[in-house]
Amino acid sequence: MRILKAEQAHVEGIVRVCSEGNRTTYADLYPADYIEQIIQQFYTKERILGEVTHTGKEWGGYIVAVDGDEVVGACGGGMIAEDASELYVMYLDPVRKNEGIGTKLLEAFTKQQVEYGAKKLWVSVQEGNHEGIPFYEAKGFAFSHKQKGYGSEEAEKYTSLRYWKNI
């Protein structure tokens, strides 16, 4: 398995992993139509292509886990302050969980953000996400506060848990 910065050839794999991961992760938390709305907003080929080809400190691009030619995990984020960064997205192929892929992606992302000057890393996890919360806590993230969702009336019905750690 290789962990690397995503390229155009990885776009369809990122779309697949993020879409399937979203459906699996949130099936018990969100209505199905809201999940599909989120996927259509954030995980289209056009958007992912733009996010793979236009990167910098604010969006470091996607980092992918590739097994053979198949994308089996993806994450990304960027700097949110001079010395702080945020992991905005991380999804794994639902059948490839518990193989250490998420850990490898988080390590690569953290290294990238340290190179940009980050000393603190933030992540939001949906309240009730019984896979994400234990993962981040096991990686040393500490709970900070709750925050209402944003971006739409539907999103505001849900609560994110904000976690952080020094890096």
N, C-alpha and C. Protein backbone atom coordinates (compact mmCIF):
# COMPACT_ATOMS: atom_id res chain seq x y z
N MET A 1 0.84 -1.18 0.00
CA MET A 1 0.00 0.00 0.00
C MET A 1 0.89 1.24 0.00
N ARG A 2 0.49 2.21 -0.81
CA ARG A 2 1.23 3.47 -0.90
C ARG A 2 0.35 4.61 -0.39
N ILE A 3 0.95 5.55 0.32
CA ILE A 3 0.28 6.76 0.77
C ILE A 3 0.94 7.92 0.03
N LEU A 4 0.14 8.68 -0.71
CA LEU A 4 0.72 9.75 -1.53
C LEU A 4 -0.29 10.86 -1.77
N LYS A 5 0.23 12.00 -2.23
CA LYS A 5 -0.64 13.10 -2.59
C LYS A 5 -1.38 12.71 -3.85
N ALA A 6 -2.69 12.94 -3.85
CA ALA A 6 -3.53 12.51 -4.96
C ALA A 6 -3.19 13.26 -6.25
N GLU A 7 -3.37 12.54 -7.34
CA GLU A 7 -3.21 13.09 -8.68
C GLU A 7 -4.51 12.89 -9.44
N GLN A 8 -4.57 13.41 -10.66
CA GLN A 8 -5.80 13.31 -11.45
C GLN A 8 -6.26 11.86 -11.61
N ALA A 9 -5.32 10.94 -11.73
CA ALA A 9 -5.68 9.53 -11.91
C ALA A 9 -6.44 8.96 -10.71
N HIS A 10 -6.39 9.63 -9.57
CA HIS A 10 -7.04 9.14 -8.35
C HIS A 10 -8.45 9.70 -8.14
N VAL A 11 -8.88 10.62 -9.00
CA VAL A 11 -10.15 11.33 -8.79
C VAL A 11 -11.32 10.36 -8.64
N GLU A 12 -11.50 9.43 -9.57
CA GLU A 12 -12.65 8.52 -9.49
C GLU A 12 -12.59 7.68 -8.23
N GLY A 13 -11.41 7.25 -7.82
CA GLY A 13 -11.27 6.48 -6.59
C GLY A 13 -11.62 7.29 -5.36
N ILE A 14 -11.26 8.58 -5.35
CA ILE A 14 -11.60 9.46 -4.23
C ILE A 14 -13.12 9.63 -4.16
N VAL A 15 -13.74 9.87 -5.32
CA VAL A 15 -15.19 10.01 -5.38
C VAL A 15 -15.86 8.76 -4.80
N ARG A 16 -15.38 7.59 -5.22
CA ARG A 16 -15.98 6.33 -4.78
C ARG A 16 -15.81 6.15 -3.27
N VAL A 17 -14.58 6.30 -2.78
CA VAL A 17 -14.30 6.07 -1.36
C VAL A 17 -15.06 7.07 -0.49
N CYS A 18 -15.07 8.34 -0.87
CA CYS A 18 -15.75 9.34 -0.06
C CYS A 18 -17.27 9.16 -0.10
N SER A 19 -17.80 8.80 -1.25
CA SER A 19 -19.25 8.58 -1.36
C SER A 19 -19.68 7.35 -0.57
N GLU A 20 -18.99 6.24 -0.79
CA GLU A 20 -19.34 5.01 -0.06
C GLU A 20 -19.08 5.16 1.43
N GLY A 21 -17.98 5.80 1.77
CA GLY A 21 -17.67 6.03 3.18
C GLY A 21 -18.70 6.90 3.85
N ASN A 22 -19.17 7.92 3.14
CA ASN A 22 -20.19 8.81 3.68
C ASN A 22 -21.48 8.05 3.92
N ARG A 23 -21.89 7.26 2.94
CA ARG A 23 -23.14 6.49 3.09
C ARG A 23 -23.05 5.53 4.27
N THR A 24 -21.93 4.86 4.42
CA THR A 24 -21.75 3.88 5.50
C THR A 24 -21.66 4.56 6.86
N THR A 25 -20.86 5.61 6.94
CA THR A 25 -20.63 6.30 8.21
C THR A 25 -21.90 6.92 8.77
N TYR A 26 -22.70 7.53 7.90
CA TYR A 26 -23.82 8.32 8.37
C TYR A 26 -25.19 7.67 8.19
N ALA A 27 -25.22 6.41 7.77
CA ALA A 27 -26.50 5.73 7.52
C ALA A 27 -27.44 5.77 8.72
N ASP A 28 -26.91 5.69 9.92
CA ASP A 28 -27.75 5.70 11.12
C ASP A 28 -27.90 7.08 11.75
N LEU A 29 -27.24 8.08 11.15
CA LEU A 29 -27.26 9.43 11.73
C LEU A 29 -28.06 10.44 10.93
N TYR A 30 -28.06 10.29 9.61
CA TYR A 30 -28.71 11.25 8.72
C TYR A 30 -29.73 10.54 7.85
N PRO A 31 -30.76 11.28 7.38
CA PRO A 31 -31.67 10.72 6.38
C PRO A 31 -30.90 10.46 5.07
N ALA A 32 -31.30 9.44 4.32
CA ALA A 32 -30.60 9.06 3.09
C ALA A 32 -30.56 10.22 2.09
N ASP A 33 -31.64 10.99 1.97
CA ASP A 33 -31.62 12.08 1.00
C ASP A 33 -30.62 13.17 1.39
N TYR A 34 -30.41 13.39 2.68
CA TYR A 34 -29.41 14.37 3.13
C TYR A 34 -28.00 13.87 2.82
N ILE A 35 -27.75 12.58 3.03
CA ILE A 35 -26.45 12.00 2.69
C ILE A 35 -26.16 12.20 1.21
N GLU A 36 -27.13 11.93 0.36
CA GLU A 36 -26.93 12.10 -1.09
C GLU A 36 -26.72 13.56 -1.45
N GLN A 37 -27.38 14.46 -0.74
CA GLN A 37 -27.18 15.89 -0.96
C GLN A 37 -25.74 16.29 -0.65
N ILE A 38 -25.21 15.79 0.45
CA ILE A 38 -23.82 16.07 0.84
C ILE A 38 -22.87 15.52 -0.21
N ILE A 39 -23.10 14.29 -0.67
CA ILE A 39 -22.24 13.67 -1.68
C ILE A 39 -22.26 14.51 -2.96
N GLN A 40 -23.44 14.97 -3.37
CA GLN A 40 -23.52 15.77 -4.59
C GLN A 40 -22.87 17.15 -4.41
N GLN A 41 -22.79 17.62 -3.20
CA GLN A 41 -22.16 18.92 -2.94
C GLN A 41 -20.64 18.81 -2.90
N PHE A 42 -20.12 17.75 -2.27
CA PHE A 42 -18.69 17.69 -2.00
C PHE A 42 -17.91 16.63 -2.78
N TYR A 43 -18.55 15.61 -3.31
CA TYR A 43 -17.80 14.48 -3.85
C TYR A 43 -18.13 14.16 -5.30
N THR A 44 -18.28 15.20 -6.12
CA THR A 44 -18.44 14.99 -7.57
C THR A 44 -17.06 14.93 -8.22
N LYS A 45 -16.99 14.33 -9.39
CA LYS A 45 -15.71 14.26 -10.13
C LYS A 45 -15.16 15.66 -10.40
N GLU A 46 -16.04 16.59 -10.77
CA GLU A 46 -15.58 17.95 -11.10
C GLU A 46 -14.97 18.63 -9.87
N ARG A 47 -15.64 18.52 -8.74
CA ARG A 47 -15.11 19.17 -7.54
C ARG A 47 -13.80 18.52 -7.09
N ILE A 48 -13.79 17.19 -7.06
CA ILE A 48 -12.57 16.49 -6.62
C ILE A 48 -11.40 16.80 -7.57
N LEU A 49 -11.66 16.85 -8.87
CA LEU A 49 -10.60 17.20 -9.81
C LEU A 49 -10.02 18.57 -9.48
N GLY A 50 -10.87 19.53 -9.20
CA GLY A 50 -10.40 20.85 -8.81
C GLY A 50 -9.60 20.82 -7.52
N GLU A 51 -10.04 20.00 -6.59
CA GLU A 51 -9.35 19.92 -5.29
C GLU A 51 -8.04 19.12 -5.38
N VAL A 52 -7.89 18.33 -6.41
CA VAL A 52 -6.63 17.61 -6.63
C VAL A 52 -5.63 18.51 -7.35
N THR A 53 -6.13 19.35 -8.25
CA THR A 53 -5.22 20.15 -9.08
C THR A 53 -4.92 21.54 -8.52
N HIS A 54 -5.73 22.06 -7.61
CA HIS A 54 -5.50 23.38 -7.04
C HIS A 54 -5.28 23.24 -5.53
N THR A 55 -4.02 23.20 -5.16
CA THR A 55 -3.68 22.99 -3.75
C THR A 55 -2.77 24.09 -3.24
N GLY A 56 -2.67 24.19 -1.94
CA GLY A 56 -1.82 25.16 -1.28
C GLY A 56 -2.00 25.00 0.22
N LYS A 57 -1.62 26.01 0.97
CA LYS A 57 -1.73 25.91 2.43
C LYS A 57 -3.17 25.77 2.91
N GLU A 58 -4.10 26.51 2.29
CA GLU A 58 -5.49 26.48 2.75
C GLU A 58 -6.17 25.15 2.43
N TRP A 59 -5.75 24.52 1.37
CA TRP A 59 -6.24 23.18 1.01
C TRP A 59 -5.03 22.43 0.47
N GLY A 60 -4.51 21.51 1.26
CA GLY A 60 -3.29 20.80 0.90
C GLY A 60 -3.49 19.74 -0.16
N GLY A 61 -4.72 19.56 -0.62
CA GLY A 61 -5.02 18.52 -1.58
C GLY A 61 -5.37 17.23 -0.86
N TYR A 62 -5.84 16.27 -1.62
CA TYR A 62 -6.15 14.97 -1.03
C TYR A 62 -4.87 14.15 -0.88
N ILE A 63 -4.81 13.41 0.19
CA ILE A 63 -3.79 12.38 0.39
C ILE A 63 -4.54 11.06 0.28
N VAL A 64 -4.01 10.14 -0.50
CA VAL A 64 -4.72 8.89 -0.74
C VAL A 64 -3.89 7.69 -0.31
N ALA A 65 -4.61 6.64 0.05
CA ALA A 65 -4.02 5.31 0.27
C ALA A 65 -4.39 4.50 -0.96
N VAL A 66 -3.38 3.97 -1.63
CA VAL A 66 -3.59 3.23 -2.87
C VAL A 66 -3.05 1.82 -2.70
N ASP A 67 -3.89 0.84 -2.98
CA ASP A 67 -3.51 -0.57 -2.92
C ASP A 67 -3.59 -1.10 -4.35
N GLY A 68 -2.44 -1.39 -4.94
CA GLY A 68 -2.40 -1.71 -6.37
C GLY A 68 -2.72 -0.43 -7.12
N ASP A 69 -3.81 -0.42 -7.86
CA ASP A 69 -4.27 0.79 -8.54
C ASP A 69 -5.54 1.36 -7.92
N GLU A 70 -5.98 0.77 -6.81
CA GLU A 70 -7.26 1.14 -6.21
C GLU A 70 -7.08 2.07 -5.01
N VAL A 71 -7.82 3.20 -5.03
CA VAL A 71 -7.85 4.10 -3.88
C VAL A 71 -8.69 3.43 -2.80
N VAL A 72 -8.10 3.24 -1.62
CA VAL A 72 -8.80 2.59 -0.51
C VAL A 72 -9.02 3.54 0.68
N GLY A 73 -8.52 4.77 0.54
CA GLY A 73 -8.72 5.77 1.58
C GLY A 73 -8.29 7.13 1.06
N ALA A 74 -8.89 8.17 1.62
CA ALA A 74 -8.55 9.53 1.22
C ALA A 74 -8.80 10.48 2.37
N CYS A 75 -7.95 11.49 2.47
CA CYS A 75 -8.15 12.54 3.47
C CYS A 75 -7.63 13.85 2.92
N GLY A 76 -8.03 14.94 3.56
CA GLY A 76 -7.54 16.24 3.13
C GLY A 76 -7.96 17.32 4.10
N GLY A 77 -7.30 18.44 4.00
CA GLY A 77 -7.58 19.59 4.85
C GLY A 77 -6.58 20.68 4.56
N GLY A 78 -6.46 21.61 5.50
CA GLY A 78 -5.53 22.70 5.28
C GLY A 78 -5.41 23.60 6.49
N MET A 79 -4.61 24.63 6.30
CA MET A 79 -4.34 25.59 7.36
C MET A 79 -5.57 26.47 7.59
N ILE A 80 -5.91 26.68 8.86
CA ILE A 80 -7.04 27.53 9.22
C ILE A 80 -6.57 28.77 9.99
N ALA A 81 -5.31 28.80 10.37
CA ALA A 81 -4.69 29.94 11.06
C ALA A 81 -3.19 29.81 10.82
N GLU A 82 -2.44 30.78 11.28
CA GLU A 82 -1.00 30.77 11.03
C GLU A 82 -0.33 29.50 11.55
N ASP A 83 -0.82 28.97 12.68
CA ASP A 83 -0.17 27.79 13.27
C ASP A 83 -1.16 26.66 13.54
N ALA A 84 -2.32 26.69 12.88
CA ALA A 84 -3.33 25.65 13.11
C ALA A 84 -3.88 25.15 11.78
N SER A 85 -4.17 23.87 11.77
CA SER A 85 -4.67 23.21 10.57
C SER A 85 -5.91 22.41 10.94
N GLU A 86 -6.67 22.03 9.91
CA GLU A 86 -7.86 21.21 10.15
C GLU A 86 -7.93 20.09 9.13
N LEU A 87 -8.23 18.90 9.62
CA LEU A 87 -8.53 17.76 8.78
C LEU A 87 -10.01 17.87 8.45
N TYR A 88 -10.33 18.15 7.19
CA TYR A 88 -11.73 18.35 6.80
C TYR A 88 -12.43 17.06 6.44
N VAL A 89 -11.69 16.11 5.89
CA VAL A 89 -12.33 14.91 5.37
C VAL A 89 -11.38 13.71 5.50
N MET A 90 -11.92 12.58 5.92
CA MET A 90 -11.21 11.31 5.87
C MET A 90 -12.23 10.20 5.74
N TYR A 91 -12.09 9.43 4.67
CA TYR A 91 -12.94 8.27 4.46
C TYR A 91 -12.09 7.11 3.98
N LEU A 92 -12.52 5.92 4.37
CA LEU A 92 -11.89 4.68 3.93
C LEU A 92 -12.91 3.86 3.17
N ASP A 93 -12.43 3.01 2.30
CA ASP A 93 -13.30 2.03 1.67
C ASP A 93 -13.93 1.24 2.82
N PRO A 94 -15.25 1.18 2.89
CA PRO A 94 -15.90 0.53 4.04
C PRO A 94 -15.46 -0.91 4.30
N VAL A 95 -15.02 -1.63 3.29
CA VAL A 95 -14.57 -3.01 3.52
C VAL A 95 -13.11 -3.09 3.91
N ARG A 96 -12.43 -1.94 4.01
CA ARG A 96 -11.00 -1.93 4.33
C ARG A 96 -10.70 -1.28 5.68
N LYS A 97 -11.70 -1.18 6.53
CA LYS A 97 -11.47 -0.58 7.85
C LYS A 97 -10.69 -1.55 8.74
N ASN A 98 -10.07 -0.99 9.76
CA ASN A 98 -9.29 -1.75 10.75
C ASN A 98 -8.05 -2.41 10.16
N GLU A 99 -7.48 -1.78 9.13
CA GLU A 99 -6.23 -2.25 8.54
C GLU A 99 -5.09 -1.26 8.77
N GLY A 100 -5.34 -0.18 9.50
CA GLY A 100 -4.31 0.83 9.74
C GLY A 100 -4.24 1.90 8.66
N ILE A 101 -5.16 1.87 7.71
CA ILE A 101 -5.14 2.84 6.61
C ILE A 101 -5.39 4.25 7.14
N GLY A 102 -6.37 4.41 8.01
CA GLY A 102 -6.67 5.73 8.57
C GLY A 102 -5.49 6.30 9.33
N THR A 103 -4.80 5.45 10.07
CA THR A 103 -3.62 5.89 10.82
C THR A 103 -2.54 6.39 9.87
N LYS A 104 -2.30 5.66 8.80
CA LYS A 104 -1.27 6.07 7.82
C LYS A 104 -1.66 7.37 7.13
N LEU A 105 -2.93 7.52 6.80
CA LEU A 105 -3.39 8.77 6.17
C LEU A 105 -3.23 9.94 7.14
N LEU A 106 -3.63 9.76 8.40
CA LEU A 106 -3.51 10.83 9.38
C LEU A 106 -2.05 11.21 9.58
N GLU A 107 -1.17 10.24 9.63
CA GLU A 107 0.26 10.54 9.78
C GLU A 107 0.78 11.36 8.61
N ALA A 108 0.42 10.98 7.38
CA ALA A 108 0.88 11.71 6.20
C ALA A 108 0.30 13.12 6.18
N PHE A 109 -0.97 13.25 6.52
CA PHE A 109 -1.60 14.57 6.56
C PHE A 109 -0.92 15.45 7.61
N THR A 110 -0.68 14.90 8.79
CA THR A 110 -0.05 15.66 9.87
C THR A 110 1.33 16.14 9.43
N LYS A 111 2.10 15.28 8.79
CA LYS A 111 3.43 15.66 8.30
C LYS A 111 3.33 16.82 7.31
N GLN A 112 2.38 16.74 6.39
CA GLN A 112 2.17 17.82 5.42
C GLN A 112 1.87 19.13 6.13
N GLN A 113 0.98 19.09 7.11
CA GLN A 113 0.56 20.31 7.78
C GLN A 113 1.66 20.89 8.66
N VAL A 114 2.48 20.05 9.26
CA VAL A 114 3.64 20.54 10.02
C VAL A 114 4.58 21.30 9.08
N GLU A 115 4.75 20.78 7.86
CA GLU A 115 5.60 21.48 6.87
C GLU A 115 5.03 22.85 6.51
N TYR A 116 3.71 23.02 6.61
CA TYR A 116 3.07 24.32 6.36
C TYR A 116 3.13 25.23 7.58
N GLY A 117 3.59 24.71 8.73
CA GLY A 117 3.73 25.51 9.93
C GLY A 117 2.72 25.22 11.03
N ALA A 118 1.91 24.18 10.87
CA ALA A 118 0.90 23.87 11.87
C ALA A 118 1.53 23.33 13.15
N LYS A 119 1.01 23.79 14.27
CA LYS A 119 1.40 23.28 15.58
C LYS A 119 0.22 22.63 16.28
N LYS A 120 -0.98 22.90 15.75
CA LYS A 120 -2.21 22.35 16.32
C LYS A 120 -3.06 21.83 15.16
N LEU A 121 -3.69 20.69 15.40
CA LEU A 121 -4.54 20.06 14.39
C LEU A 121 -5.95 19.90 14.95
N TRP A 122 -6.95 20.36 14.18
CA TRP A 122 -8.35 20.27 14.55
C TRP A 122 -9.07 19.28 13.66
N VAL A 123 -10.14 18.71 14.17
CA VAL A 123 -11.02 17.86 13.39
C VAL A 123 -12.43 17.96 13.99
N SER A 124 -13.43 17.90 13.13
CA SER A 124 -14.83 17.84 13.58
C SER A 124 -15.34 16.44 13.32
N VAL A 125 -16.04 15.89 14.29
CA VAL A 125 -16.62 14.55 14.15
C VAL A 125 -18.10 14.66 14.49
N GLN A 126 -18.92 14.10 13.65
CA GLN A 126 -20.37 14.15 13.89
C GLN A 126 -20.71 13.46 15.21
N GLU A 127 -21.49 14.12 16.03
CA GLU A 127 -21.96 13.51 17.27
C GLU A 127 -22.67 12.20 16.90
N GLY A 128 -22.32 11.11 17.58
CA GLY A 128 -22.92 9.82 17.28
C GLY A 128 -22.10 8.98 16.31
N ASN A 129 -21.00 9.53 15.79
CA ASN A 129 -20.13 8.77 14.88
C ASN A 129 -19.26 7.84 15.73
N HIS A 130 -19.73 6.62 15.89
CA HIS A 130 -19.09 5.68 16.80
C HIS A 130 -17.84 5.02 16.23
N GLU A 131 -17.48 5.35 15.02
CA GLU A 131 -16.21 4.91 14.45
C GLU A 131 -15.19 6.03 14.52
N GLY A 132 -15.60 7.24 14.14
CA GLY A 132 -14.68 8.37 14.09
C GLY A 132 -14.22 8.83 15.47
N ILE A 133 -15.14 8.95 16.40
CA ILE A 133 -14.79 9.47 17.73
C ILE A 133 -13.72 8.62 18.41
N PRO A 134 -13.87 7.30 18.51
CA PRO A 134 -12.81 6.51 19.15
C PRO A 134 -11.49 6.55 18.38
N PHE A 135 -11.56 6.63 17.06
CA PHE A 135 -10.33 6.71 16.26
C PHE A 135 -9.53 7.96 16.64
N TYR A 136 -10.17 9.11 16.61
CA TYR A 136 -9.45 10.36 16.90
C TYR A 136 -9.00 10.42 18.36
N GLU A 137 -9.82 9.94 19.27
CA GLU A 137 -9.40 9.93 20.67
C GLU A 137 -8.19 9.02 20.86
N ALA A 138 -8.15 7.89 20.18
CA ALA A 138 -7.00 6.98 20.26
C ALA A 138 -5.74 7.61 19.67
N LYS A 139 -5.91 8.56 18.78
CA LYS A 139 -4.77 9.24 18.15
C LYS A 139 -4.35 10.49 18.92
N GLY A 140 -4.91 10.69 20.11
CA GLY A 140 -4.47 11.78 20.97
C GLY A 140 -5.26 13.06 20.86
N PHE A 141 -6.34 13.06 20.11
CA PHE A 141 -7.17 14.26 20.03
C PHE A 141 -7.99 14.40 21.30
N ALA A 142 -8.14 15.64 21.75
CA ALA A 142 -8.92 15.94 22.95
C ALA A 142 -10.18 16.70 22.55
N PHE A 143 -11.29 16.37 23.19
CA PHE A 143 -12.55 17.07 22.93
C PHE A 143 -12.43 18.52 23.38
N SER A 144 -12.91 19.43 22.55
CA SER A 144 -12.91 20.85 22.87
C SER A 144 -14.33 21.36 23.14
N HIS A 145 -15.22 21.21 22.15
CA HIS A 145 -16.57 21.75 22.31
C HIS A 145 -17.49 21.20 21.22
N LYS A 146 -18.79 21.43 21.42
CA LYS A 146 -19.79 21.08 20.42
C LYS A 146 -20.04 22.29 19.53
N GLN A 147 -20.45 21.99 18.29
CA GLN A 147 -20.71 23.06 17.33
C GLN A 147 -21.84 22.64 16.41
N LYS A 148 -22.78 23.54 16.16
CA LYS A 148 -23.86 23.25 15.23
C LYS A 148 -23.30 23.13 13.82
N GLY A 149 -23.94 22.26 13.02
CA GLY A 149 -23.56 22.15 11.63
C GLY A 149 -23.83 23.46 10.91
N TYR A 150 -23.23 23.63 9.73
CA TYR A 150 -23.43 24.87 8.97
C TYR A 150 -23.49 24.55 7.49
N GLY A 151 -23.99 25.49 6.73
CA GLY A 151 -24.05 25.33 5.29
C GLY A 151 -25.46 25.18 4.76
N SER A 152 -26.38 24.72 5.59
CA SER A 152 -27.77 24.58 5.16
C SER A 152 -28.66 24.44 6.40
N GLU A 153 -29.97 24.60 6.19
CA GLU A 153 -30.91 24.40 7.30
C GLU A 153 -30.82 22.98 7.83
N GLU A 154 -30.69 22.02 6.91
CA GLU A 154 -30.58 20.60 7.32
C GLU A 154 -29.34 20.38 8.17
N ALA A 155 -28.21 20.94 7.74
CA ALA A 155 -26.94 20.76 8.47
C ALA A 155 -27.03 21.31 9.89
N GLU A 156 -27.78 22.40 10.06
CA GLU A 156 -27.89 23.03 11.37
C GLU A 156 -28.65 22.17 12.39
N LYS A 157 -29.30 21.11 11.93
CA LYS A 157 -30.00 20.19 12.83
C LYS A 157 -29.04 19.26 13.55
N TYR A 158 -27.80 19.20 13.09
CA TYR A 158 -26.83 18.23 13.61
C TYR A 158 -25.71 18.94 14.36
N THR A 159 -25.06 18.18 15.22
CA THR A 159 -24.00 18.72 16.07
C THR A 159 -22.70 18.00 15.79
N SER A 160 -21.65 18.81 15.58
CA SER A 160 -20.30 18.27 15.43
C SER A 160 -19.56 18.41 16.75
N LEU A 161 -18.68 17.48 17.00
CA LEU A 161 -17.80 17.55 18.16
C LEU A 161 -16.44 17.99 17.66
N ARG A 162 -15.91 19.05 18.26
CA ARG A 162 -14.62 19.59 17.84
C ARG A 162 -13.52 19.00 18.72
N TYR A 163 -12.52 18.44 18.07
CA TYR A 163 -11.36 17.84 18.73
C TYR A 163 -10.10 18.53 18.23
N TRP A 164 -9.05 18.50 19.05
CA TRP A 164 -7.77 19.08 18.65
C TRP A 164 -6.63 18.31 19.31
N LYS A 165 -5.45 18.52 18.75
CA LYS A 165 -4.24 18.04 19.41
C LYS A 165 -3.05 18.85 18.93
N ASN A 166 -2.04 18.91 19.76
CA ASN A 166 -0.78 19.55 19.36
C ASN A 166 -0.02 18.59 18.46
N ILE A 167 0.62 19.15 17.44
CA ILE A 167 1.41 18.32 16.52
C ILE A 167 2.82 18.85 16.39
